[in-house]
Amino acid sequence: MGTIVVGVDGSESSKRALEFALREAQLRSARLHVVRASSRWSEMVTGAEEPLPWSDGLGKAFEEVRQDEEPELARWLDAARSSTHVHDVAAELETRAGEAPDVLRAAAGGAELLVVGERRWHDPSRLLLSSVSHAVSSHPPCPVVIVPDEDGREGGSR
């Protein structure tokens, strides 16, 4: 059985990506791996004056962040299951430390598919993909699906 990895951050575009990934996992009889890069963790580490070594104290701090954030992941998954009526797909929830593109590429190593939401930055002269969707599609560890931003309201100014 293969695995589909989906990156989530709570945005509307990532919720649409989660719904797409659930339906695709059901079609492929695949497992779903729901991954969130911890923004709280990144703030803790990047706020330090020097690079922080991985230690017991740092590991415990991340474990606390992970325990705080994973119930939120479960709520997002439950909402996606309800809206798609897909309840028979096995899913693993994970919060990982690091920058989103790096976390998603690492999680998707060996996966059938990586799914992310598209958050376009609107400018009258051009439309740009968000840095995460651009980064994972530029150096993909597996095939990537970028679920389109439906109405163009998320992501930035027009």
Protein backbone atom coordinates (compact mmCIF):
# COMPACT_ATOMS: atom_id res chain seq x y z
CA MET A 1 0.00 0.00 0.00
CA GLY A 2 1.39 3.37 -1.02
CA THR A 3 1.38 6.64 0.88
CA ILE A 4 0.13 10.08 -0.03
CA VAL A 5 1.68 12.94 1.91
CA VAL A 6 -0.24 16.19 2.35
CA GLY A 7 1.13 19.39 3.84
CA VAL A 8 -1.24 21.37 6.04
CA ASP A 9 -1.02 24.66 7.90
CA GLY A 10 -4.65 25.48 8.70
CA SER A 11 -5.16 27.76 5.72
CA GLU A 12 -8.14 27.30 3.42
CA SER A 13 -5.82 26.17 0.63
CA SER A 14 -4.28 23.47 2.83
CA LYS A 15 -7.76 22.30 3.88
CA ARG A 16 -8.66 21.90 0.18
CA ALA A 17 -5.38 20.02 -0.31
CA LEU A 18 -6.28 17.70 2.58
CA GLU A 19 -9.69 17.01 1.05
CA PHE A 20 -8.08 16.27 -2.33
CA ALA A 21 -5.48 13.99 -0.71
CA LEU A 22 -8.18 12.06 1.17
CA ARG A 23 -10.15 11.41 -2.02
CA GLU A 24 -6.98 10.47 -3.91
CA ALA A 25 -5.88 8.10 -1.13
CA GLN A 26 -9.26 6.40 -1.28
CA LEU A 27 -9.01 6.02 -5.09
CA ARG A 28 -5.49 4.58 -4.86
CA SER A 29 -6.13 2.49 -1.71
CA ALA A 30 -3.24 4.39 -0.15
CA ARG A 31 -2.42 5.57 3.35
CA LEU A 32 -2.53 9.28 4.12
CA HIS A 33 0.31 11.04 5.93
CA VAL A 34 -0.79 14.49 7.12
CA VAL A 35 2.25 16.66 7.87
CA ARG A 36 2.59 20.07 9.47
CA ALA A 37 5.84 22.00 9.77
CA SER A 38 5.77 23.63 13.18
CA SER A 39 5.83 27.40 12.88
CA ARG A 40 6.05 27.76 16.68
CA TRP A 41 9.09 25.52 16.65
CA SER A 42 10.74 27.51 13.86
CA GLU A 43 10.20 30.73 15.83
CA MET A 44 11.81 29.21 18.94
CA VAL A 45 14.87 27.99 17.05
CA THR A 46 15.40 30.97 14.72
CA GLY A 47 15.01 33.41 17.61
CA ALA A 48 18.21 32.07 19.17
CA GLU A 49 21.44 34.02 18.78
CA GLU A 50 23.38 30.87 17.90
CA PRO A 51 22.24 27.61 16.32
CA LEU A 52 20.68 25.46 19.01
CA PRO A 53 22.06 21.94 19.42
CA TRP A 54 19.50 19.15 19.67
CA SER A 55 19.44 18.30 23.36
CA ASP A 56 17.08 16.71 25.86
CA GLY A 57 15.72 20.13 26.77
CA LEU A 58 15.21 21.13 23.17
CA GLY A 59 13.66 17.75 22.38
CA LYS A 60 11.24 18.15 25.30
CA ALA A 61 10.32 21.65 24.10
CA PHE A 62 9.49 20.34 20.64
CA GLU A 63 7.50 17.46 22.12
CA GLU A 64 5.35 20.00 23.96
CA VAL A 65 4.78 21.94 20.72
CA ARG A 66 3.92 18.69 18.90
CA GLN A 67 1.45 17.66 21.61
CA ASP A 68 -0.23 21.08 21.40
CA GLU A 69 -0.52 21.03 17.61
CA GLU A 70 -1.52 17.44 16.81
CA PRO A 71 -5.08 17.73 18.21
CA GLU A 72 -5.55 20.57 15.74
CA LEU A 73 -4.38 18.27 12.93
CA ALA A 74 -6.93 15.69 14.06
CA ARG A 75 -9.70 18.32 13.91
CA TRP A 76 -8.67 19.31 10.37
CA LEU A 77 -8.66 15.65 9.31
CA ASP A 78 -12.09 15.06 10.89
CA ALA A 79 -13.50 18.11 9.08
CA ALA A 80 -12.03 16.90 5.77
CA ARG A 81 -13.46 13.42 6.32
CA SER A 82 -16.89 14.94 6.98
CA SER A 83 -16.84 17.21 3.94
CA THR A 84 -15.59 14.51 1.56
CA HIS A 85 -17.44 11.56 3.16
CA VAL A 86 -14.17 9.60 3.04
CA HIS A 87 -13.88 7.74 6.33
CA ASP A 88 -12.10 4.54 5.32
CA VAL A 89 -8.59 5.87 4.65
CA ALA A 90 -5.91 5.15 7.23
CA ALA A 91 -4.15 8.35 8.25
CA GLU A 92 -1.05 9.27 10.22
CA LEU A 93 -0.73 12.76 11.70
CA GLU A 94 2.68 14.32 12.26
CA THR A 95 4.15 17.64 13.29
CA ARG A 96 7.80 18.02 12.30
CA ALA A 97 10.35 20.66 13.21
CA GLY A 98 11.76 22.69 10.34
CA GLU A 99 10.92 24.84 7.37
CA ALA A 100 7.85 23.67 5.45
CA PRO A 101 9.53 22.84 2.09
CA ASP A 102 12.27 20.82 3.81
CA VAL A 103 9.81 19.04 6.09
CA LEU A 104 7.47 18.14 3.23
CA ARG A 105 10.24 16.90 0.92
CA ALA A 106 11.65 14.73 3.73
CA ALA A 107 8.22 13.33 4.63
CA ALA A 108 7.46 12.57 0.97
CA GLY A 109 10.61 10.56 0.31
CA GLY A 110 9.30 7.24 -1.06
CA ALA A 111 5.68 8.44 -1.21
CA GLU A 112 3.41 7.98 -4.23
CA LEU A 113 2.35 11.61 -4.16
CA LEU A 114 2.88 14.90 -2.32
CA VAL A 115 -0.12 17.25 -2.13
CA VAL A 116 0.04 20.93 -1.15
CA GLY A 117 -2.36 23.82 -1.45
CA GLU A 118 -1.69 26.71 -3.76
CA ARG A 119 -1.62 30.14 -2.23
CA ARG A 120 -1.16 32.64 -5.03
CA TRP A 121 0.14 36.10 -4.39
CA HIS A 122 -1.87 38.43 -6.56
CA ASP A 123 -0.33 41.29 -8.43
CA PRO A 124 -1.92 42.88 -11.50
CA SER A 125 1.14 42.08 -13.57
CA ARG A 126 1.64 38.44 -12.52
CA LEU A 127 0.52 35.52 -10.37
CA LEU A 128 3.13 33.82 -8.23
CA LEU A 129 3.01 30.49 -6.44
CA SER A 130 3.71 30.59 -2.73
CA SER A 131 7.24 29.78 -1.67
CA VAL A 132 6.24 26.37 -0.27
CA SER A 133 4.42 25.12 -3.38
CA HIS A 134 7.19 26.53 -5.59
CA ALA A 135 9.94 24.92 -3.50
CA VAL A 136 8.39 21.46 -3.34
CA SER A 137 7.53 21.47 -7.04
CA SER A 138 11.01 22.71 -8.01
CA HIS A 139 12.82 19.84 -6.26
CA PRO A 140 10.19 17.11 -5.81
CA PRO A 141 10.94 13.81 -4.06
CA CYS A 142 7.91 12.28 -5.85
CA PRO A 143 5.05 13.47 -8.05
CA VAL A 144 3.46 16.66 -6.67
CA VAL A 145 -0.10 17.92 -6.90
CA ILE A 146 -0.72 21.58 -6.16
CA VAL A 147 -4.41 22.04 -5.39
CA PRO A 148 -5.50 25.37 -6.86
CA ASP A 149 -6.60 28.35 -4.83
CA GLU A 150 -10.30 28.47 -5.73
CA ASP A 151 -11.10 32.15 -5.39
CA GLY A 152 -7.74 33.86 -5.24
CA ARG A 153 -8.46 35.58 -1.92
CA GLU A 154 -5.93 33.82 0.19
CA GLY A 155 -2.27 34.67 0.29
CA GLY A 156 -1.71 38.35 -0.17
CA SER A 157 -2.79 41.66 -1.55
CA ARG A 158 -4.23 42.20 -4.99
